[in-house]
Protein backbone atom coordinates (compact mmCIF):
# COMPACT_ATOMS: atom_id res chain seq x y z
CA MET A 1 32.94 14.52 8.54
CA ARG A 2 33.92 11.08 7.29
CA HIS A 3 31.28 9.51 9.54
CA LEU A 4 28.60 11.78 8.09
CA PHE A 5 29.66 10.81 4.56
CA CYS A 6 29.48 7.12 5.48
CA LEU A 7 26.02 7.57 7.00
CA VAL A 8 24.78 9.31 3.84
CA LEU A 9 26.17 6.50 1.68
CA LEU A 10 24.58 3.92 3.94
CA ALA A 11 21.20 5.68 3.81
CA VAL A 12 21.31 5.94 0.03
CA GLY A 13 22.33 2.31 -0.22
CA LEU A 14 19.49 1.19 2.02
CA THR A 15 16.83 3.08 0.09
CA GLY A 16 18.16 2.30 -3.38
CA PRO A 17 16.98 -1.31 -3.66
CA VAL A 18 13.60 -0.44 -2.13
CA ARG A 19 12.99 2.28 -4.70
CA ALA A 20 14.15 0.04 -7.55
CA ASP A 21 11.09 -2.17 -7.02
CA GLU A 22 8.42 0.54 -7.25
CA SER A 23 6.86 -1.03 -10.34
CA ALA A 24 6.52 -4.36 -8.48
CA VAL A 25 4.99 -2.55 -5.49
CA LYS A 26 2.48 -0.77 -7.72
CA ALA A 27 1.60 -4.07 -9.41
CA VAL A 28 0.79 -5.67 -6.04
CA ILE A 29 -1.43 -2.79 -4.95
CA SER A 30 -3.18 -2.68 -8.34
CA ALA A 31 -3.76 -6.44 -8.28
CA GLN A 32 -5.29 -6.28 -4.81
CA ILE A 33 -7.63 -3.44 -5.82
CA GLU A 34 -8.62 -5.38 -8.95
CA ALA A 35 -9.37 -8.40 -6.76
CA PHE A 36 -11.59 -6.29 -4.48
CA LEU A 37 -13.45 -4.91 -7.50
CA ALA A 38 -14.03 -8.49 -8.69
CA ASN A 39 -15.20 -9.59 -5.19
CA ASP A 40 -12.29 -12.04 -5.16
CA VAL A 41 -11.35 -11.85 -1.49
CA GLU A 42 -9.16 -14.96 -1.72
CA ARG A 43 -6.96 -13.31 -4.34
CA ALA A 44 -6.89 -9.98 -2.45
CA TRP A 45 -5.88 -11.89 0.70
CA ALA A 46 -2.83 -13.27 -1.12
CA PHE A 47 -1.37 -9.74 -1.40
CA ALA A 48 -1.58 -9.14 2.38
CA SER A 49 1.52 -9.69 4.50
CA PRO A 50 1.76 -12.60 6.92
CA THR A 51 1.22 -10.10 9.74
CA ILE A 52 -2.11 -8.96 8.27
CA GLN A 53 -3.14 -12.52 7.50
CA HIS A 54 -2.37 -13.57 11.08
CA ARG A 55 -4.29 -10.59 12.48
CA PHE A 56 -7.49 -11.35 10.53
CA GLY A 57 -7.18 -15.14 10.32
CA SER A 58 -9.18 -15.72 7.14
CA PRO A 59 -9.90 -14.15 3.75
CA ASP A 60 -13.54 -13.61 4.73
CA ALA A 61 -12.66 -11.70 7.90
CA PHE A 62 -10.11 -9.66 5.96
CA GLY A 63 -12.65 -8.91 3.22
CA SER A 64 -15.25 -7.80 5.77
CA MET A 65 -12.73 -5.47 7.41
CA VAL A 66 -11.83 -3.84 4.08
CA ARG A 67 -15.45 -3.62 2.90
CA GLU A 68 -16.61 -2.00 6.15
CA GLY A 69 -13.54 0.00 7.15
CA TYR A 70 -12.05 1.00 3.82
CA PRO A 71 -14.89 1.39 1.29
CA MET A 72 -12.72 3.72 -0.81
CA VAL A 73 -10.28 0.83 -1.30
CA TRP A 74 -13.01 -1.79 -1.72
CA ARG A 75 -14.76 0.14 -4.51
CA PRO A 76 -12.57 2.98 -5.77
CA SER A 77 -13.90 4.95 -8.72
CA GLU A 78 -10.38 6.17 -9.54
CA VAL A 79 -6.83 5.12 -8.60
CA THR A 80 -3.71 7.22 -9.22
CA PHE A 81 -0.27 6.31 -7.93
CA LEU A 82 1.62 9.14 -6.28
CA ASP A 83 5.12 9.19 -4.80
CA SER A 84 6.61 6.60 -2.52
CA GLU A 85 8.81 7.26 0.46
CA VAL A 86 10.94 5.38 2.92
CA ILE A 87 10.07 6.19 6.53
CA ALA A 88 12.02 4.54 9.34
CA GLY A 89 13.27 1.96 6.86
CA LYS A 90 9.78 1.06 5.61
CA LEU A 91 8.51 1.68 2.09
CA TRP A 92 5.22 3.60 1.89
CA GLN A 93 3.47 3.92 -1.48
CA ASN A 94 0.97 6.78 -1.67
CA VAL A 95 -2.12 6.29 -3.82
CA LEU A 96 -4.85 8.79 -4.61
CA VAL A 97 -8.22 7.05 -4.67
CA ARG A 98 -11.71 8.39 -5.11
CA ASP A 99 -14.60 6.62 -3.49
CA ALA A 100 -17.87 5.80 -5.25
CA GLY A 101 -19.10 9.36 -4.59
CA GLY A 102 -15.92 10.93 -5.98
CA ALA A 103 -14.44 12.01 -2.61
CA PRO A 104 -10.61 11.94 -2.74
CA TYR A 105 -8.38 10.11 -0.28
CA VAL A 106 -4.67 9.43 -0.07
CA VAL A 107 -4.16 5.80 0.85
CA GLU A 108 -0.69 5.11 2.21
CA TYR A 109 0.38 1.48 1.75
CA GLN A 110 3.23 0.15 3.86
CA MET A 111 5.00 -2.53 1.83
CA ILE A 112 7.33 -5.30 2.94
CA GLU A 113 9.41 -7.59 0.78
CA GLY A 114 9.59 -11.27 1.58
CA GLU A 115 10.44 -14.53 -0.10
CA GLU A 116 7.27 -14.36 -2.21
CA GLY A 117 7.82 -10.73 -3.23
CA TRP A 118 6.15 -7.53 -2.05
CA LYS A 119 3.17 -7.66 0.31
CA ILE A 120 0.89 -5.02 1.81
CA ASN A 121 1.66 -4.74 5.52
CA ALA A 122 -0.44 -1.74 6.59
CA VAL A 123 -2.73 0.93 5.20
CA ARG A 124 -3.37 4.48 6.39
CA VAL A 125 -6.06 6.68 4.86
CA ARG A 126 -6.19 10.47 4.75
CA LYS A 127 -9.26 12.25 3.43
CA ILE A 128 -8.37 15.19 1.23
CA PRO A 129 -10.34 18.41 1.66
CA ALA A 130 -12.75 19.08 -1.20
CA GLY A 131 -11.37 21.26 -3.97
CA THR A 132 -7.69 20.56 -3.29
CA VAL A 133 -7.26 17.82 -5.89
């Protein structure tokens, strides 16, 4: 029983600091979306993690990937922050976005914290069936 109590305390302690920075996480995601809307790929690139930057190699390649693969993130017509959750020790911030045609998606941002603050490390997109939002 004591081990279970210690594990619960450890889990709460590990997720506490992550959750305390939700406003900083939301600010990073918002700033990247604003950069995309302004066609400022260099600025949007700055919010990507070193892993993402290494994978794409340049702001232009990164911008092309987002423009072609994630048009709902490149040009959202609406952005609403939802809940965040810690999965396997990683912080995921859920964001409801609507694309230019109004179709809703939940964009799940995996965030990592480094020396320069929070960065976007991965994105997953789920389309929401019409009429459910």
